[in-house]
Amino acid sequence: MKSTLKSAAVMAAALISLAACKKNNDKPAFVRAEDILAKNAIPSQTFTGNAGTGFTIVGEKGTKITFPAKALRDGNGDIIMGNVTITLKEVLSKKDVMFSGVMTESNGQLLESGGELLVLGQKDGKDIQIVPDSNVVVEVPKVMNDQDMGLFVLGDRKRPDNGGNGQQPPQNPNTWLPAPYAPFGNGPNSYSFNLPGFTWVNCDRFYNNPNPKTTVTVSPVFQDNNQVSDLQVMLVFRDIQTVITFPFNAYINKFESYQNSLPVGLQADLVIIGKDSDGYLQFGTQLITISANQHIDASIHRATQSEVDAFLATID
């Protein structure tokens, strides 16, 4: 009898243990914000070449840059003859744009992107420059778009006060400006242009849409933790290669698009992300159709890796 009771007790303890394990395993594995950012960060690719003889680099996504002989100079203006280091970031999808920190807008106007690049150069750890008119040729594969494009560079032009009332949200310094001085080639498989300098460049065009334009506002709705920092609200458009972010307007305590910039009728995924007080990712998405004077309450919650991956898999 004692043996039987002992066996029953052992069996019961085992079942309780298994039930506890199952319960723990059923808990969602929330992902930390830093892990999501690290997983999706745009990698910096590093190349070495001889500036005296000239060289060519090819990025992992197919971007090709050809540096002619004696096309680079140091901070004193002297032509460089030895080895230099070139770093390259390729932003060739809407998903890449989301994690690049550089959205497809120009002073509040929507842009359609054909690909963004960051190209930097150094010699012995010091920044170098491109010799003017040295024809450093860049070829960007048409993997993101195949429309007629032009060259844009990253600038810091002051945003106009559309209403004149001093209540506009602050200007995003990461705005694209046309580079009319640079000839631009639209080949069958790639865009080509002369690199104007070591900086961010973008194959872009202004998005033209005859629909009425409107302003959209967004308020976060916290589901499980209202101590959320680094909040960002984005629109990832469905039918155009465009991703924008909403600045926060402290005067109205809402995230707000640029004034009268969004075409009524377009569809986009609204994405809101942030980091809670425990370091976990806060995340939410919803498909919207832009309407006049639209306000959106955007739900945001602690998310799992699989939830984020599933959404990103739908972004071109």
Protein backbone atom coordinates (compact mmCIF):
# COMPACT_ATOMS: atom_id res chain seq x y z
CA MET A 1 0.00 0.00 0.00
CA LYS A 2 2.78 2.42 0.92
CA SER A 3 4.47 1.67 -2.39
CA THR A 4 1.28 2.34 -4.25
CA LEU A 5 0.71 5.63 -2.42
CA LYS A 6 4.31 6.65 -3.05
CA SER A 7 3.98 5.87 -6.76
CA ALA A 8 0.76 7.86 -6.94
CA ALA A 9 2.42 10.81 -5.22
CA VAL A 10 5.35 10.70 -7.64
CA MET A 11 2.94 10.51 -10.59
CA ALA A 12 0.94 13.47 -9.30
CA ALA A 13 4.09 15.53 -8.78
CA ALA A 14 5.23 14.73 -12.31
CA LEU A 15 1.88 15.79 -13.77
CA ILE A 16 1.95 19.05 -11.83
CA SER A 17 5.49 19.70 -13.04
CA LEU A 18 4.54 19.01 -16.65
CA ALA A 19 1.48 21.25 -16.36
CA ALA A 20 3.63 24.04 -14.97
CA CYS A 21 6.17 23.62 -17.76
CA LYS A 22 3.43 23.68 -20.36
CA LYS A 23 1.94 26.79 -18.79
CA ASN A 24 5.31 28.52 -18.82
CA ASN A 25 5.99 27.42 -22.39
CA ASP A 26 2.63 28.82 -23.45
CA LYS A 27 3.66 32.30 -22.38
CA PRO A 28 4.57 34.47 -25.40
CA ALA A 29 8.25 35.23 -25.71
CA PHE A 30 8.26 39.00 -25.93
CA VAL A 31 11.16 40.49 -27.88
CA ARG A 32 13.45 43.24 -26.70
CA ALA A 33 13.51 46.41 -28.77
CA GLU A 34 17.29 46.34 -29.17
CA ASP A 35 17.12 42.81 -30.61
CA ILE A 36 14.61 43.83 -33.30
CA LEU A 37 16.70 46.87 -34.24
CA ALA A 38 19.91 44.81 -34.35
CA LYS A 39 18.31 42.09 -36.47
CA ASN A 40 16.97 44.55 -39.06
CA ALA A 41 19.75 47.16 -39.03
CA ILE A 42 21.13 48.12 -42.43
CA PRO A 43 24.64 46.59 -42.54
CA SER A 44 27.70 48.70 -43.27
CA GLN A 45 29.76 47.00 -45.97
CA THR A 46 33.47 47.79 -46.02
CA PHE A 47 35.78 47.81 -49.06
CA THR A 48 39.42 48.67 -49.67
CA GLY A 49 40.77 50.08 -52.92
CA ASN A 50 43.80 51.81 -54.37
CA ALA A 51 42.89 55.44 -55.05
CA GLY A 52 45.95 55.94 -57.25
CA THR A 53 44.98 53.31 -59.80
CA GLY A 54 41.22 53.40 -59.37
CA PHE A 55 38.92 50.57 -58.29
CA THR A 56 35.35 49.28 -58.33
CA ILE A 57 33.19 48.01 -55.47
CA VAL A 58 29.98 45.96 -55.68
CA GLY A 59 27.55 45.82 -52.77
CA GLU A 60 25.71 42.75 -51.54
CA LYS A 61 22.49 43.96 -53.22
CA GLY A 62 24.18 44.80 -56.50
CA THR A 63 25.12 48.48 -56.21
CA LYS A 64 28.25 49.15 -58.25
CA ILE A 65 30.54 52.16 -57.70
CA THR A 66 33.54 52.86 -59.91
CA PHE A 67 36.27 55.18 -58.62
CA PRO A 68 38.60 56.41 -61.40
CA ALA A 69 42.31 56.88 -60.75
CA LYS A 70 43.19 59.94 -58.65
CA ALA A 71 39.52 60.73 -57.91
CA LEU A 72 39.95 61.12 -54.13
CA ARG A 73 41.68 63.73 -52.00
CA ASP A 74 42.46 64.20 -48.32
CA GLY A 75 41.43 67.00 -45.97
CA ASN A 76 44.30 69.19 -47.23
CA GLY A 77 43.16 68.84 -50.83
CA ASP A 78 46.05 66.53 -51.82
CA ILE A 79 45.34 63.69 -54.24
CA ILE A 80 45.42 60.29 -52.52
CA MET A 81 47.57 57.60 -54.13
CA GLY A 82 47.34 54.74 -51.62
CA ASN A 83 44.63 52.50 -50.20
CA VAL A 84 41.37 53.95 -48.93
CA THR A 85 38.38 52.47 -47.10
CA ILE A 86 34.88 52.81 -48.53
CA THR A 87 31.76 51.96 -46.53
CA LEU A 88 28.39 51.39 -48.16
CA LYS A 89 24.82 51.01 -46.92
CA GLU A 90 22.21 49.83 -49.42
CA VAL A 91 18.55 50.69 -48.74
CA LEU A 92 16.73 48.95 -51.57
CA SER A 93 13.32 47.98 -50.15
CA LYS A 94 10.54 49.55 -48.09
CA LYS A 95 11.56 47.33 -45.19
CA ASP A 96 15.10 48.75 -45.46
CA VAL A 97 13.69 52.29 -45.45
CA MET A 98 11.77 51.57 -42.24
CA PHE A 99 15.01 50.74 -40.41
CA SER A 100 17.29 53.24 -42.16
CA GLY A 101 16.05 56.29 -40.28
CA VAL A 102 15.82 58.15 -43.60
CA MET A 103 12.27 58.26 -44.98
CA THR A 104 11.07 59.03 -48.50
CA GLU A 105 9.90 62.63 -48.20
CA SER A 106 11.15 66.03 -49.26
CA ASN A 107 10.02 68.91 -47.05
CA GLY A 108 6.64 67.27 -46.56
CA GLN A 109 6.19 66.06 -50.15
CA LEU A 110 5.94 62.33 -50.81
CA LEU A 111 8.73 60.71 -52.79
CA GLU A 112 8.78 57.38 -54.61
CA SER A 113 12.16 55.78 -54.07
CA GLY A 114 14.26 53.70 -56.39
CA GLY A 115 16.89 53.08 -53.71
CA GLU A 116 18.89 54.95 -51.09
CA LEU A 117 22.62 54.70 -50.44
CA LEU A 118 25.05 55.91 -47.83
CA VAL A 119 28.61 56.06 -49.20
CA LEU A 120 31.54 57.18 -47.00
CA GLY A 121 35.30 57.26 -47.52
CA GLN A 122 38.30 57.33 -45.21
CA LYS A 123 42.08 57.19 -45.39
CA ASP A 124 43.89 56.03 -42.22
CA GLY A 125 40.77 56.72 -40.18
CA LYS A 126 40.27 60.26 -41.51
CA ASP A 127 37.45 61.40 -43.77
CA ILE A 128 38.32 62.01 -47.41
CA GLN A 129 36.60 63.79 -50.30
CA ILE A 130 35.79 63.21 -53.94
CA VAL A 131 37.67 65.41 -56.40
CA PRO A 132 35.13 67.61 -58.24
CA ASP A 133 34.20 66.41 -61.74
CA SER A 134 36.06 63.13 -61.25
CA ASN A 135 33.09 61.04 -62.47
CA VAL A 136 32.71 58.50 -59.67
CA VAL A 137 29.94 56.46 -61.32
CA VAL A 138 27.22 54.76 -59.25
CA GLU A 139 24.91 52.08 -60.68
CA VAL A 140 21.89 51.12 -58.55
CA PRO A 141 19.98 47.97 -59.58
CA LYS A 142 16.27 48.42 -60.23
CA VAL A 143 15.10 46.10 -57.49
CA MET A 144 12.93 48.68 -55.70
CA ASN A 145 11.41 50.62 -58.59
CA ASP A 146 11.71 50.99 -62.36
CA GLN A 147 10.15 54.43 -62.87
CA ASP A 148 11.91 57.52 -64.17
CA MET A 149 13.90 58.91 -61.27
CA GLY A 150 16.28 61.72 -60.40
CA LEU A 151 19.04 62.18 -57.85
CA PHE A 152 18.33 63.53 -54.36
CA VAL A 153 20.77 64.23 -51.53
CA LEU A 154 20.11 64.46 -47.82
CA GLY A 155 19.74 68.04 -46.63
CA ASP A 156 18.60 70.18 -43.72
CA ARG A 157 16.42 72.83 -45.28
CA LYS A 158 14.02 74.63 -42.92
CA ARG A 159 10.47 73.43 -43.16
CA PRO A 160 7.97 76.11 -44.26
CA ASP A 161 5.32 77.17 -41.75
CA ASN A 162 2.27 76.22 -43.80
CA GLY A 163 -0.24 77.93 -41.56
CA GLY A 164 1.82 80.87 -40.35
CA ASN A 165 0.63 80.20 -36.81
CA GLY A 166 3.88 78.91 -35.33
CA GLN A 167 2.23 75.63 -34.40
CA GLN A 168 3.89 73.30 -36.87
CA PRO A 169 5.73 70.23 -35.58
CA PRO A 170 9.52 70.50 -35.81
CA GLN A 171 11.26 69.88 -39.10
CA ASN A 172 12.72 66.44 -39.63
CA PRO A 173 16.37 67.12 -40.53
CA ASN A 174 16.48 63.95 -42.62
CA THR A 175 14.76 65.39 -45.68
CA TRP A 176 15.73 64.79 -49.27
CA LEU A 177 16.59 67.66 -51.63
CA PRO A 178 16.82 67.42 -55.44
CA ALA A 179 20.34 67.51 -56.88
CA PRO A 180 19.75 69.16 -60.28
CA TYR A 181 23.45 69.52 -60.97
CA ALA A 182 23.91 65.76 -61.32
CA PRO A 183 23.09 64.01 -64.64
CA PHE A 184 21.00 60.90 -64.09
CA GLY A 185 20.78 57.79 -66.26
CA ASN A 186 17.78 55.46 -66.43
CA GLY A 187 18.98 52.23 -68.01
CA PRO A 188 17.05 49.00 -68.55
CA ASN A 189 18.35 47.39 -65.36
CA SER A 190 19.88 50.16 -63.27
CA TYR A 191 19.99 53.86 -62.46
CA SER A 192 23.33 55.61 -62.90
CA PHE A 193 24.75 58.92 -61.74
CA ASN A 194 27.96 60.59 -60.64
CA LEU A 195 28.42 60.47 -56.87
CA PRO A 196 28.32 64.13 -55.71
CA GLY A 197 30.16 63.39 -52.45
CA PHE A 198 30.46 60.98 -49.56
CA THR A 199 26.93 61.26 -48.20
CA TRP A 200 23.41 59.85 -48.43
CA VAL A 201 22.03 59.78 -51.98
CA ASN A 202 18.66 58.64 -53.27
CA CYS A 203 17.14 57.68 -56.62
CA ASP A 204 13.77 59.39 -56.25
CA ARG A 205 10.91 61.23 -57.84
CA PHE A 206 8.12 63.38 -56.47
CA TYR A 207 4.88 61.42 -56.18
CA ASN A 208 2.11 63.08 -58.14
CA ASN A 209 -1.50 62.25 -57.31
CA PRO A 210 -4.55 64.33 -58.35
CA ASN A 211 -6.60 63.34 -55.28
CA PRO A 212 -7.31 65.98 -52.61
CA LYS A 213 -4.59 66.21 -49.95
CA THR A 214 -5.18 66.01 -46.24
CA THR A 215 -3.51 65.94 -42.82
CA VAL A 216 -3.63 62.83 -40.62
CA THR A 217 -3.11 62.71 -36.86
CA VAL A 218 -2.33 59.68 -34.67
CA SER A 219 -2.61 59.02 -30.94
CA PRO A 220 -1.04 55.90 -29.37
CA VAL A 221 -3.33 53.65 -27.32
CA PHE A 222 -1.21 51.68 -24.85
CA GLN A 223 -2.47 48.18 -24.17
CA ASP A 224 -0.16 47.00 -21.39
CA ASN A 225 2.44 49.65 -20.51
CA ASN A 226 2.16 53.40 -20.86
CA GLN A 227 5.82 53.97 -19.99
CA VAL A 228 6.94 53.86 -23.62
CA SER A 229 9.83 55.84 -25.07
CA ASP A 230 11.33 56.29 -28.55
CA LEU A 231 7.86 56.23 -30.10
CA GLN A 232 7.75 56.38 -33.88
CA VAL A 233 4.74 56.42 -36.19
CA MET A 234 5.19 55.45 -39.84
CA LEU A 235 3.08 54.96 -42.95
CA VAL A 236 4.22 52.20 -45.30
CA PHE A 237 2.25 52.71 -48.51
CA ARG A 238 0.84 49.70 -50.31
CA ASP A 239 1.02 50.74 -53.99
CA ILE A 240 4.02 53.08 -54.08
CA GLN A 241 7.61 52.72 -52.87
CA THR A 242 7.15 55.26 -50.11
CA VAL A 243 7.63 55.21 -46.33
CA ILE A 244 7.12 58.30 -44.19
CA THR A 245 7.23 59.13 -40.51
CA PHE A 246 4.93 61.41 -38.51
CA PRO A 247 6.61 64.09 -36.38
CA PHE A 248 5.16 64.62 -32.91
CA ASN A 249 3.30 67.91 -32.58
CA ALA A 250 3.53 68.99 -28.94
CA TYR A 251 0.94 71.75 -29.49
CA ILE A 252 -1.81 69.21 -30.13
CA ASN A 253 -0.17 66.28 -28.28
CA LYS A 254 -0.47 64.02 -31.32
CA PHE A 255 1.68 62.62 -34.08
CA GLU A 256 0.85 64.57 -37.22
CA SER A 257 1.63 64.22 -40.92
CA TYR A 258 2.95 67.18 -42.83
CA GLN A 259 0.12 69.62 -43.54
CA ASN A 260 -2.08 68.65 -46.50
CA SER A 261 0.48 66.18 -47.80
CA LEU A 262 -1.38 62.83 -47.95
CA PRO A 263 -3.59 61.94 -50.95
CA VAL A 264 -7.10 60.89 -49.94
CA GLY A 265 -7.86 57.29 -50.95
CA LEU A 266 -4.37 55.78 -50.70
CA GLN A 267 -3.89 52.64 -48.64
CA ALA A 268 -1.01 52.23 -46.21
CA ASP A 269 0.05 50.20 -43.21
CA LEU A 270 0.25 52.43 -40.17
CA VAL A 271 3.08 51.21 -37.94
CA ILE A 272 3.74 52.38 -34.39
CA ILE A 273 6.79 51.18 -32.48
CA GLY A 274 8.55 52.05 -29.25
CA LYS A 275 10.36 50.65 -26.23
CA ASP A 276 8.78 50.13 -22.85
CA SER A 277 10.31 50.70 -19.43
CA ASP A 278 11.55 47.09 -19.31
CA GLY A 279 13.28 47.35 -22.70
CA TYR A 280 10.71 45.29 -24.61
CA LEU A 281 9.43 46.24 -28.03
CA GLN A 282 6.04 47.95 -28.17
CA PHE A 283 4.47 47.45 -31.59
CA GLY A 284 1.22 47.83 -33.51
CA THR A 285 0.01 47.91 -37.12
CA GLN A 286 -3.24 48.55 -38.93
CA LEU A 287 -4.20 48.94 -42.57
CA ILE A 288 -5.75 52.33 -43.26
CA THR A 289 -7.31 54.13 -46.20
CA ILE A 290 -6.48 57.82 -45.98
CA SER A 291 -9.54 60.04 -45.60
CA ALA A 292 -10.06 63.77 -45.11
CA ASN A 293 -8.92 65.14 -41.73
CA GLN A 294 -8.42 61.63 -40.43
CA HIS A 295 -7.51 60.81 -36.83
CA ILE A 296 -6.32 57.34 -35.88
CA ASP A 297 -6.09 55.76 -32.45
CA ALA A 298 -3.13 53.41 -32.88
CA SER A 299 -3.05 50.42 -30.55
CA ILE A 300 0.42 49.47 -29.32
CA HIS A 301 1.38 46.47 -27.21
CA ARG A 302 4.31 44.30 -26.16
CA ALA A 303 5.11 42.11 -29.17
CA THR A 304 6.78 38.81 -29.98
CA GLN A 305 9.50 38.19 -32.55
CA SER A 306 7.14 36.10 -34.68
CA GLU A 307 4.54 38.87 -34.76
CA VAL A 308 7.06 41.43 -35.99
CA ASP A 309 8.57 39.00 -38.51
CA ALA A 310 5.13 38.13 -39.89
CA PHE A 311 4.39 41.79 -40.57
CA LEU A 312 7.79 42.56 -42.08
CA ALA A 313 7.36 39.59 -44.43
CA THR A 314 4.46 41.46 -46.04
CA ILE A 315 6.59 44.55 -46.82
CA ASP A 316 8.22 44.61 -50.25
